């Protein structure tokens, strides 16, 4: 067991950076359809435009990285993710082929790309909504960073050795179906990051409202029952390490408590 590799208080300054406005988590919705009717969604062109503008500044060297369109000008590496990726690379002669599902326009890649330069070979593949994938291919893509609009499209050109799910599962209507499909890709390692879990027995649905200082948006968000989630995950994966992410423990408007967590998982041998 290597739980200690994720026991790092990394990138906590991110929380302070966006502390001028905090996400709100609204309780009281009973279905994804009901929640969606009260949300503006993530797929609005105005949001993608802000993310693209910020990402281009990062690509051009005007900022170190962006997250949710917020620019950061000082390097703040995500050491838990780096540790997981370098573990994979160490098992494959320094070669890293990442399937970053829901990776926007390269947020995690750009945040940590200086560290990846020490590896022999890196291919970073982002699977996103069609209009993000198109913008990525048009304005961001290069010999390392590639964009696809589906898992299947990505697999036509790649044999990934690690899947990254960073702050994405909670925004999918059927998240465990996606996890199951990704488990069938044959990757050796699964990294889950910035994902909300609670101690209750069932998943809970909330509405997340983004601070207007970032952009105006709201969307349905699952908070996963940790025990129920692990019952599914443990069928294909074994835990190597876990952390509490910089977002930490937060509360809904009704006082419901949950915590953003990360996990490093390795495929079980059949």
C-alpha atoms as a PDB file:
ATOM      1  CA  UNK A   1       0.000   0.000   0.000  1.00  0.00           C
ATOM      2  CA  UNK A   2       1.277   3.499  -0.794  1.00  0.00           C
ATOM      3  CA  UNK A   3      -1.321   5.741   0.828  1.00  0.00           C
ATOM      4  CA  UNK A   4       1.420   8.203   1.781  1.00  0.00           C
ATOM      5  CA  UNK A   5       2.008   9.355  -1.822  1.00  0.00           C
ATOM      6  CA  UNK A   6      -1.313  11.206  -1.720  1.00  0.00           C
ATOM      7  CA  UNK A   7      -0.805  12.621   1.766  1.00  0.00           C
ATOM      8  CA  UNK A   8       0.182  16.098   0.511  1.00  0.00           C
ATOM      9  CA  UNK A   9      -1.451  19.485   1.124  1.00  0.00           C
ATOM     10  CA  UNK A  10      -0.942  20.541  -2.509  1.00  0.00           C
ATOM     11  CA  UNK A  11      -2.479  23.468  -4.408  1.00  0.00           C
ATOM     12  CA  UNK A  12      -4.488  24.717  -1.445  1.00  0.00           C
ATOM     13  CA  UNK A  13      -3.861  28.269  -2.603  1.00  0.00           C
ATOM     14  CA  UNK A  14      -6.399  27.549  -5.345  1.00  0.00           C
ATOM     15  CA  UNK A  15      -9.169  27.694  -2.765  1.00  0.00           C
ATOM     16  CA  UNK A  16      -7.932  31.113  -1.627  1.00  0.00           C
ATOM     17  CA  UNK A  17      -7.685  32.272  -5.231  1.00  0.00           C
ATOM     18  CA  UNK A  18     -11.408  31.738  -5.800  1.00  0.00           C
ATOM     19  CA  UNK A  19     -12.346  32.660  -2.241  1.00  0.00           C
ATOM     20  CA  UNK A  20     -13.740  35.964  -3.463  1.00  0.00           C
ATOM     21  CA  UNK A  21     -16.812  33.952  -4.373  1.00  0.00           C
ATOM     22  CA  UNK A  22     -17.739  30.473  -3.288  1.00  0.00           C
ATOM     23  CA  UNK A  23     -19.708  27.759  -4.973  1.00  0.00           C
ATOM     24  CA  UNK A  24     -23.166  27.281  -3.521  1.00  0.00           C
ATOM     25  CA  UNK A  25     -24.681  23.812  -3.204  1.00  0.00           C
ATOM     26  CA  UNK A  26     -28.462  23.765  -3.188  1.00  0.00           C
ATOM     27  CA  UNK A  27     -30.407  20.882  -1.657  1.00  0.00           C
ATOM     28  CA  UNK A  28     -33.955  19.721  -2.289  1.00  0.00           C
ATOM     29  CA  UNK A  29     -33.980  18.249  -5.827  1.00  0.00           C
ATOM     30  CA  UNK A  30     -35.134  14.686  -6.396  1.00  0.00           C
ATOM     31  CA  UNK A  31     -34.087  13.843  -9.950  1.00  0.00           C
ATOM     32  CA  UNK A  32     -31.549  14.797 -12.614  1.00  0.00           C
ATOM     33  CA  UNK A  33     -34.365  16.075 -14.836  1.00  0.00           C
ATOM     34  CA  UNK A  34     -35.738  18.282 -12.070  1.00  0.00           C
ATOM     35  CA  UNK A  35     -32.292  19.652 -11.258  1.00  0.00           C
ATOM     36  CA  UNK A  36     -31.542  20.339 -14.935  1.00  0.00           C
ATOM     37  CA  UNK A  37     -34.680  22.447 -15.237  1.00  0.00           C
ATOM     38  CA  UNK A  38     -33.228  24.823 -12.632  1.00  0.00           C
ATOM     39  CA  UNK A  39     -29.733  24.980 -14.143  1.00  0.00           C
ATOM     40  CA  UNK A  40     -28.067  26.865 -16.964  1.00  0.00           C
ATOM     41  CA  UNK A  41     -25.505  24.132 -17.642  1.00  0.00           C
ATOM     42  CA  UNK A  42     -21.810  23.883 -18.468  1.00  0.00           C
ATOM     43  CA  UNK A  43     -22.203  23.682 -22.231  1.00  0.00           C
ATOM     44  CA  UNK A  44     -23.085  27.353 -22.804  1.00  0.00           C
ATOM     45  CA  UNK A  45     -20.949  28.958 -25.505  1.00  0.00           C
ATOM     46  CA  UNK A  46     -20.184  31.902 -23.219  1.00  0.00           C
ATOM     47  CA  UNK A  47     -18.496  29.588 -20.695  1.00  0.00           C
ATOM     48  CA  UNK A  48     -16.477  27.816 -23.359  1.00  0.00           C
ATOM     49  CA  UNK A  49     -15.424  31.197 -24.727  1.00  0.00           C
ATOM     50  CA  UNK A  50     -14.040  32.267 -21.347  1.00  0.00           C
ATOM     51  CA  UNK A  51     -12.223  28.966 -20.887  1.00  0.00           C
ATOM     52  CA  UNK A  52     -10.745  29.197 -24.408  1.00  0.00           C
ATOM     53  CA  UNK A  53      -9.563  32.785 -23.891  1.00  0.00           C
ATOM     54  CA  UNK A  54      -7.839  31.822 -20.635  1.00  0.00           C
ATOM     55  CA  UNK A  55      -6.327  28.633 -22.073  1.00  0.00           C
ATOM     56  CA  UNK A  56      -4.850  30.520 -25.015  1.00  0.00           C
ATOM     57  CA  UNK A  57      -3.131  32.889 -22.582  1.00  0.00           C
ATOM     58  CA  UNK A  58      -1.651  29.865 -20.814  1.00  0.00           C
ATOM     59  CA  UNK A  59      -0.542  28.279 -24.085  1.00  0.00           C
ATOM     60  CA  UNK A  60       1.114  31.561 -25.106  1.00  0.00           C
ATOM     61  CA  UNK A  61       2.979  31.770 -21.792  1.00  0.00           C
ATOM     62  CA  UNK A  62       1.046  34.691 -20.303  1.00  0.00           C
ATOM     63  CA  UNK A  63      -0.075  32.580 -17.307  1.00  0.00           C
ATOM     64  CA  UNK A  64       0.980  29.283 -15.735  1.00  0.00           C
ATOM     65  CA  UNK A  65      -2.396  27.530 -15.925  1.00  0.00           C
ATOM     66  CA  UNK A  66      -6.148  28.030 -15.704  1.00  0.00           C
ATOM     67  CA  UNK A  67      -8.980  26.315 -13.899  1.00  0.00           C
ATOM     68  CA  UNK A  68     -12.632  27.071 -14.598  1.00  0.00           C
ATOM     69  CA  UNK A  69     -11.349  30.019 -16.689  1.00  0.00           C
ATOM     70  CA  UNK A  70      -9.524  31.530 -13.677  1.00  0.00           C
ATOM     71  CA  UNK A  71      -5.892  32.302 -14.538  1.00  0.00           C
ATOM     72  CA  UNK A  72      -2.974  31.451 -12.228  1.00  0.00           C
ATOM     73  CA  UNK A  73       0.383  33.137 -12.651  1.00  0.00           C
ATOM     74  CA  UNK A  74       2.489  31.067 -10.244  1.00  0.00           C
ATOM     75  CA  UNK A  75       3.145  27.353 -10.763  1.00  0.00           C
ATOM     76  CA  UNK A  76       1.153  25.157  -8.370  1.00  0.00           C
ATOM     77  CA  UNK A  77       1.662  21.546  -9.306  1.00  0.00           C
ATOM     78  CA  UNK A  78      -0.894  18.872  -8.471  1.00  0.00           C
ATOM     79  CA  UNK A  79       1.552  16.506  -6.787  1.00  0.00           C
ATOM     80  CA  UNK A  80      -0.953  13.710  -6.060  1.00  0.00           C
ATOM     81  CA  UNK A  81      -1.873  13.452  -9.748  1.00  0.00           C
ATOM     82  CA  UNK A  82       1.786  13.726 -10.753  1.00  0.00           C
ATOM     83  CA  UNK A  83       2.676  10.894  -8.351  1.00  0.00           C
ATOM     84  CA  UNK A  84       0.026   8.662  -9.892  1.00  0.00           C
ATOM     85  CA  UNK A  85       1.076   9.457 -13.457  1.00  0.00           C
ATOM     86  CA  UNK A  86       4.752   8.923 -12.744  1.00  0.00           C
ATOM     87  CA  UNK A  87       3.927   5.585 -11.140  1.00  0.00           C
ATOM     88  CA  UNK A  88       2.328   4.577 -14.450  1.00  0.00           C
ATOM     89  CA  UNK A  89       5.268   5.919 -16.463  1.00  0.00           C
ATOM     90  CA  UNK A  90       7.732   4.011 -14.268  1.00  0.00           C
ATOM     91  CA  UNK A  91       5.982   0.777 -15.262  1.00  0.00           C
ATOM     92  CA  UNK A  92       6.078   1.555 -19.001  1.00  0.00           C
ATOM     93  CA  UNK A  93       9.662   2.710 -19.649  1.00  0.00           C
ATOM     94  CA  UNK A  94       8.823   6.401 -19.169  1.00  0.00           C
ATOM     95  CA  UNK A  95       5.873   6.409 -21.570  1.00  0.00           C
ATOM     96  CA  UNK A  96       2.629   8.086 -20.526  1.00  0.00           C
ATOM     97  CA  UNK A  97      -0.598   7.957 -22.537  1.00  0.00           C
ATOM     98  CA  UNK A  98      -3.421   9.679 -20.646  1.00  0.00           C
ATOM     99  CA  UNK A  99      -7.150   9.554 -21.349  1.00  0.00           C
ATOM    100  CA  UNK A 100      -8.342  12.696 -19.580  1.00  0.00           C
ATOM    101  CA  UNK A 101     -12.122  12.383 -19.585  1.00  0.00           C
ATOM    102  CA  UNK A 102     -13.807  15.778 -19.143  1.00  0.00           C
ATOM    103  CA  UNK A 103     -10.487  17.618 -19.136  1.00  0.00           C
ATOM    104  CA  UNK A 104     -11.865  20.894 -20.597  1.00  0.00           C
ATOM    105  CA  UNK A 105      -9.190  22.478 -22.825  1.00  0.00           C
ATOM    106  CA  UNK A 106      -6.253  20.989 -20.945  1.00  0.00           C
ATOM    107  CA  UNK A 107      -6.444  22.421 -17.416  1.00  0.00           C
ATOM    108  CA  UNK A 108      -4.599  19.568 -15.693  1.00  0.00           C
ATOM    109  CA  UNK A 109      -2.122  19.101 -18.524  1.00  0.00           C
ATOM    110  CA  UNK A 110      -1.074  22.760 -18.605  1.00  0.00           C
ATOM    111  CA  UNK A 111      -0.892  22.964 -14.807  1.00  0.00           C
ATOM    112  CA  UNK A 112       1.680  20.168 -14.694  1.00  0.00           C
ATOM    113  CA  UNK A 113       3.264  20.109 -18.154  1.00  0.00           C
ATOM    114  CA  UNK A 114       6.700  21.326 -17.002  1.00  0.00           C
ATOM    115  CA  UNK A 115       7.034  18.213 -14.846  1.00  0.00           C
ATOM    116  CA  UNK A 116       5.984  15.893 -17.687  1.00  0.00           C
ATOM    117  CA  UNK A 117       8.901  17.134 -19.808  1.00  0.00           C
ATOM    118  CA  UNK A 118      11.162  14.788 -17.825  1.00  0.00           C
ATOM    119  CA  UNK A 119       9.384  11.743 -19.285  1.00  0.00           C
ATOM    120  CA  UNK A 120      10.481   9.953 -22.435  1.00  0.00           C
ATOM    121  CA  UNK A 121       7.103  10.149 -24.180  1.00  0.00           C
ATOM    122  CA  UNK A 122       3.813  11.870 -23.265  1.00  0.00           C
ATOM    123  CA  UNK A 123       0.510  11.771 -25.111  1.00  0.00           C
ATOM    124  CA  UNK A 124      -2.391  13.584 -23.401  1.00  0.00           C
ATOM    125  CA  UNK A 125      -5.837  12.875 -24.854  1.00  0.00           C
ATOM    126  CA  UNK A 126      -8.858  14.875 -23.735  1.00  0.00           C
ATOM    127  CA  UNK A 127     -12.385  13.551 -24.281  1.00  0.00           C
ATOM    128  CA  UNK A 128     -14.908  16.379 -24.014  1.00  0.00           C
ATOM    129  CA  UNK A 129     -18.229  17.695 -25.292  1.00  0.00           C
ATOM    130  CA  UNK A 130     -18.201  18.177 -29.054  1.00  0.00           C
ATOM    131  CA  UNK A 131     -17.837  21.975 -29.053  1.00  0.00           C
ATOM    132  CA  UNK A 132     -14.950  21.810 -26.545  1.00  0.00           C
ATOM    133  CA  UNK A 133     -13.239  19.105 -28.583  1.00  0.00           C
ATOM    134  CA  UNK A 134     -13.619  21.173 -31.763  1.00  0.00           C
ATOM    135  CA  UNK A 135     -12.235  24.305 -30.091  1.00  0.00           C
ATOM    136  CA  UNK A 136      -9.364  22.256 -28.698  1.00  0.00           C
ATOM    137  CA  UNK A 137      -8.496  20.815 -32.100  1.00  0.00           C
ATOM    138  CA  UNK A 138      -8.706  24.251 -33.746  1.00  0.00           C
ATOM    139  CA  UNK A 139      -6.813  26.398 -31.241  1.00  0.00           C
ATOM    140  CA  UNK A 140      -4.973  24.277 -28.648  1.00  0.00           C
ATOM    141  CA  UNK A 141      -3.960  20.885 -30.059  1.00  0.00           C
ATOM    142  CA  UNK A 142      -0.296  20.049 -30.687  1.00  0.00           C
ATOM    143  CA  UNK A 143       1.897  16.944 -30.938  1.00  0.00           C
ATOM    144  CA  UNK A 144       1.256  16.064 -27.259  1.00  0.00           C
ATOM    145  CA  UNK A 145      -2.227  17.360 -26.489  1.00  0.00           C
ATOM    146  CA  UNK A 146      -5.110  15.895 -28.538  1.00  0.00           C
ATOM    147  CA  UNK A 147      -8.892  16.326 -28.367  1.00  0.00           C
ATOM    148  CA  UNK A 148     -11.750  13.884 -29.003  1.00  0.00           C
ATOM    149  CA  UNK A 149     -15.520  14.021 -28.653  1.00  0.00           C
ATOM    150  CA  UNK A 150     -15.949  10.411 -27.468  1.00  0.00           C
ATOM    151  CA  UNK A 151     -14.074   7.609 -25.735  1.00  0.00           C
ATOM    152  CA  UNK A 152     -14.369   5.411 -28.813  1.00  0.00           C
ATOM    153  CA  UNK A 153     -12.890   8.127 -31.056  1.00  0.00           C
ATOM    154  CA  UNK A 154      -9.932   8.448 -28.706  1.00  0.00           C
ATOM    155  CA  UNK A 155      -9.330   4.683 -28.625  1.00  0.00           C
ATOM    156  CA  UNK A 156      -9.109   4.487 -32.405  1.00  0.00           C
ATOM    157  CA  UNK A 157      -5.801   6.393 -32.234  1.00  0.00           C
ATOM    158  CA  UNK A 158      -4.539   5.535 -28.745  1.00  0.00           C
ATOM    159  CA  UNK A 159      -3.822   2.779 -26.277  1.00  0.00           C
ATOM    160  CA  UNK A 160      -3.969   4.759 -23.015  1.00  0.00           C
ATOM    161  CA  UNK A 161      -2.288   3.376 -19.904  1.00  0.00           C
ATOM    162  CA  UNK A 162      -4.080   5.652 -17.428  1.00  0.00           C
ATOM    163  CA  UNK A 163      -7.497   7.308 -17.145  1.00  0.00           C
ATOM    164  CA  UNK A 164      -7.882  10.629 -15.337  1.00  0.00           C
ATOM    165  CA  UNK A 165     -11.285  11.691 -13.981  1.00  0.00           C
ATOM    166  CA  UNK A 166     -10.806  15.111 -12.408  1.00  0.00           C
ATOM    167  CA  UNK A 167     -13.924  16.974 -11.259  1.00  0.00           C
ATOM    168  CA  UNK A 168     -16.139  15.305 -13.863  1.00  0.00           C
ATOM    169  CA  UNK A 169     -18.013  12.255 -12.540  1.00  0.00           C
ATOM    170  CA  UNK A 170     -20.320  14.347 -10.364  1.00  0.00           C
ATOM    171  CA  UNK A 171     -21.599  16.249 -13.410  1.00  0.00           C
ATOM    172  CA  UNK A 172     -22.659  13.186 -15.403  1.00  0.00           C
ATOM    173  CA  UNK A 173     -26.217  11.883 -15.313  1.00  0.00           C
ATOM    174  CA  UNK A 174     -25.009   8.271 -15.289  1.00  0.00           C
ATOM    175  CA  UNK A 175     -21.444   8.443 -13.929  1.00  0.00           C
ATOM    176  CA  UNK A 176     -20.939   4.795 -13.041  1.00  0.00           C
ATOM    177  CA  UNK A 177     -21.812   3.745 -16.587  1.00  0.00           C
ATOM    178  CA  UNK A 178     -18.916   5.914 -17.767  1.00  0.00           C
ATOM    179  CA  UNK A 179     -16.590   4.405 -15.159  1.00  0.00           C
ATOM    180  CA  UNK A 180     -17.570   0.921 -16.313  1.00  0.00           C
ATOM    181  CA  UNK A 181     -16.913   1.785 -19.960  1.00  0.00           C
ATOM    182  CA  UNK A 182     -13.533   3.256 -19.088  1.00  0.00           C
ATOM    183  CA  UNK A 183     -12.720   0.144 -17.069  1.00  0.00           C
ATOM    184  CA  UNK A 184     -13.117  -1.880 -20.269  1.00  0.00           C
ATOM    185  CA  UNK A 185     -10.381   0.077 -22.061  1.00  0.00           C
ATOM    186  CA  UNK A 186      -7.678  -2.081 -20.480  1.00  0.00           C
ATOM    187  CA  UNK A 187      -5.824   0.792 -18.771  1.00  0.00           C
ATOM    188  CA  UNK A 188      -3.701  -0.188 -15.791  1.00  0.00           C
ATOM    189  CA  UNK A 189      -4.446   2.815 -13.594  1.00  0.00           C
ATOM    190  CA  UNK A 190      -7.405   5.042 -12.765  1.00  0.00           C
ATOM    191  CA  UNK A 191      -6.992   8.427 -11.078  1.00  0.00           C
ATOM    192  CA  UNK A 192     -10.053  10.134  -9.601  1.00  0.00           C
ATOM    193  CA  UNK A 193      -9.625  13.720  -8.386  1.00  0.00           C
ATOM    194  CA  UNK A 194     -11.789  16.520  -6.926  1.00  0.00           C
ATOM    195  CA  UNK A 195     -14.886  14.334  -6.535  1.00  0.00           C
ATOM    196  CA  UNK A 196     -17.481  14.786  -3.730  1.00  0.00           C
ATOM    197  CA  UNK A 197     -18.296  11.942  -1.338  1.00  0.00           C
ATOM    198  CA  UNK A 198     -20.435  11.623   1.774  1.00  0.00           C
ATOM    199  CA  UNK A 199     -20.807   9.058   4.552  1.00  0.00           C
ATOM    200  CA  UNK A 200     -24.493   8.399   3.914  1.00  0.00           C
ATOM    201  CA  UNK A 201     -25.694   5.169   2.266  1.00  0.00           C
ATOM    202  CA  UNK A 202     -27.098   6.679  -0.943  1.00  0.00           C
ATOM    203  CA  UNK A 203     -25.948   9.182  -3.559  1.00  0.00           C
ATOM    204  CA  UNK A 204     -27.413  12.656  -3.167  1.00  0.00           C
ATOM    205  CA  UNK A 205     -28.238  15.182  -5.877  1.00  0.00           C
ATOM    206  CA  UNK A 206     -27.534  18.902  -5.444  1.00  0.00           C
ATOM    207  CA  UNK A 207     -27.452  21.992  -7.644  1.00  0.00           C
ATOM    208  CA  UNK A 208     -24.090  23.732  -7.799  1.00  0.00           C
ATOM    209  CA  UNK A 209     -24.052  27.472  -8.469  1.00  0.00           C
ATOM    210  CA  UNK A 210     -20.755  28.885  -9.682  1.00  0.00           C
ATOM    211  CA  UNK A 211     -19.639  32.262  -8.276  1.00  0.00           C
ATOM    212  CA  UNK A 212     -20.399  35.071 -10.773  1.00  0.00           C
ATOM    213  CA  UNK A 213     -16.770  36.189 -10.395  1.00  0.00           C
ATOM    214  CA  UNK A 214     -15.824  33.058 -12.388  1.00  0.00           C
ATOM    215  CA  UNK A 215     -18.806  32.784 -14.757  1.00  0.00           C
ATOM    216  CA  UNK A 216     -22.553  32.575 -14.426  1.00  0.00           C
ATOM    217  CA  UNK A 217     -23.589  28.925 -14.437  1.00  0.00           C
ATOM    218  CA  UNK A 218     -25.318  26.229 -12.432  1.00  0.00           C
ATOM    219  CA  UNK A 219     -25.587  22.496 -12.928  1.00  0.00           C
ATOM    220  CA  UNK A 220     -26.755  19.267 -11.281  1.00  0.00           C
ATOM    221  CA  UNK A 221     -24.086  17.620  -9.136  1.00  0.00           C
ATOM    222  CA  UNK A 222     -23.969  14.201  -7.533  1.00  0.00           C
ATOM    223  CA  UNK A 223     -22.480  13.677  -4.111  1.00  0.00           C
ATOM    224  CA  UNK A 224     -21.546  10.016  -4.078  1.00  0.00           C
ATOM    225  CA  UNK A 225     -22.093   7.660  -1.197  1.00  0.00           C
ATOM    226  CA  UNK A 226     -18.509   6.609  -0.496  1.00  0.00           C
ATOM    227  CA  UNK A 227     -19.521   3.071   0.508  1.00  0.00           C
ATOM    228  CA  UNK A 228     -21.808   2.527  -2.502  1.00  0.00           C
ATOM    229  CA  UNK A 229     -19.234   3.997  -4.901  1.00  0.00           C
ATOM    230  CA  UNK A 230     -16.452   1.770  -3.599  1.00  0.00           C
ATOM    231  CA  UNK A 231     -18.660  -1.318  -3.864  1.00  0.00           C
ATOM    232  CA  UNK A 232     -18.761  -0.681  -7.622  1.00  0.00           C
ATOM    233  CA  UNK A 233     -15.134   0.430  -8.007  1.00  0.00           C
ATOM    234  CA  UNK A 234     -13.785  -2.553  -6.075  1.00  0.00           C
ATOM    235  CA  UNK A 235     -15.101  -4.931  -8.739  1.00  0.00           C
ATOM    236  CA  UNK A 236     -12.373  -3.836 -11.175  1.00  0.00           C
ATOM    237  CA  UNK A 237      -9.925  -1.747  -9.163  1.00  0.00           C
ATOM    238  CA  UNK A 238      -7.966  -1.817  -5.932  1.00  0.00           C
ATOM    239  CA  UNK A 239      -7.096   1.254  -3.923  1.00  0.00           C
ATOM    240  CA  UNK A 240      -3.474   2.395  -3.822  1.00  0.00           C
ATOM    241  CA  UNK A 241      -3.932   5.818  -2.273  1.00  0.00           C
ATOM    242  CA  UNK A 242      -6.479   8.492  -1.428  1.00  0.00           C
ATOM    243  CA  UNK A 243      -6.503  12.128  -0.338  1.00  0.00           C
ATOM    244  CA  UNK A 244      -8.783  14.925   0.736  1.00  0.00           C
ATOM    245  CA  UNK A 245      -8.582  17.486  -2.086  1.00  0.00           C
ATOM    246  CA  UNK A 246      -7.980  21.233  -1.575  1.00  0.00           C
ATOM    247  CA  UNK A 247     -11.727  21.962  -1.692  1.00  0.00           C
ATOM    248  CA  UNK A 248     -11.992  19.958   1.531  1.00  0.00           C
ATOM    249  CA  UNK A 249     -15.241  19.480   3.425  1.00  0.00           C
ATOM    250  CA  UNK A 250     -18.149  21.705   2.400  1.00  0.00           C
ATOM    251  CA  UNK A 251     -21.862  21.965   3.147  1.00  0.00           C
ATOM    252  CA  UNK A 252     -25.052  22.392   1.176  1.00  0.00           C
ATOM    253  CA  UNK A 253     -27.496  25.174   1.990  1.00  0.00           C
ATOM    254  CA  UNK A 254     -29.345  22.724   4.277  1.00  0.00           C
ATOM    255  CA  UNK A 255     -26.176  21.714   6.140  1.00  0.00           C
ATOM    256  CA  UNK A 256     -25.516  18.429   4.304  1.00  0.00           C
ATOM    257  CA  UNK A 257     -21.805  17.608   4.714  1.00  0.00           C
ATOM    258  CA  UNK A 258     -19.559  16.151   2.020  1.00  0.00           C
ATOM    259  CA  UNK A 259     -15.869  16.091   1.156  1.00  0.00           C
ATOM    260  CA  UNK A 260     -13.958  16.349  -2.117  1.00  0.00           C
ATOM    261  CA  UNK A 261     -11.611  13.385  -2.431  1.00  0.00           C
ATOM    262  CA  UNK A 262      -9.089  11.853  -4.789  1.00  0.00           C
ATOM    263  CA  UNK A 263      -8.131   8.224  -5.378  1.00  0.00           C
ATOM    264  CA  UNK A 264      -5.338   6.308  -7.056  1.00  0.00           C
ATOM    265  CA  UNK A 265      -6.594   2.919  -8.263  1.00  0.00           C
ATOM    266  CA  UNK A 266      -4.903  -0.005  -9.972  1.00  0.00           C
ATOM    267  CA  UNK A 267      -6.636  -2.621 -12.109  1.00  0.00           C
ATOM    268  CA  UNK A 268      -7.282  -5.927 -10.390  1.00  0.00           C
ATOM    269  CA  UNK A 269      -5.662  -8.902 -12.040  1.00  0.00           C
ATOM    270  CA  UNK A 270      -8.243 -11.334 -13.424  1.00  0.00           C
END
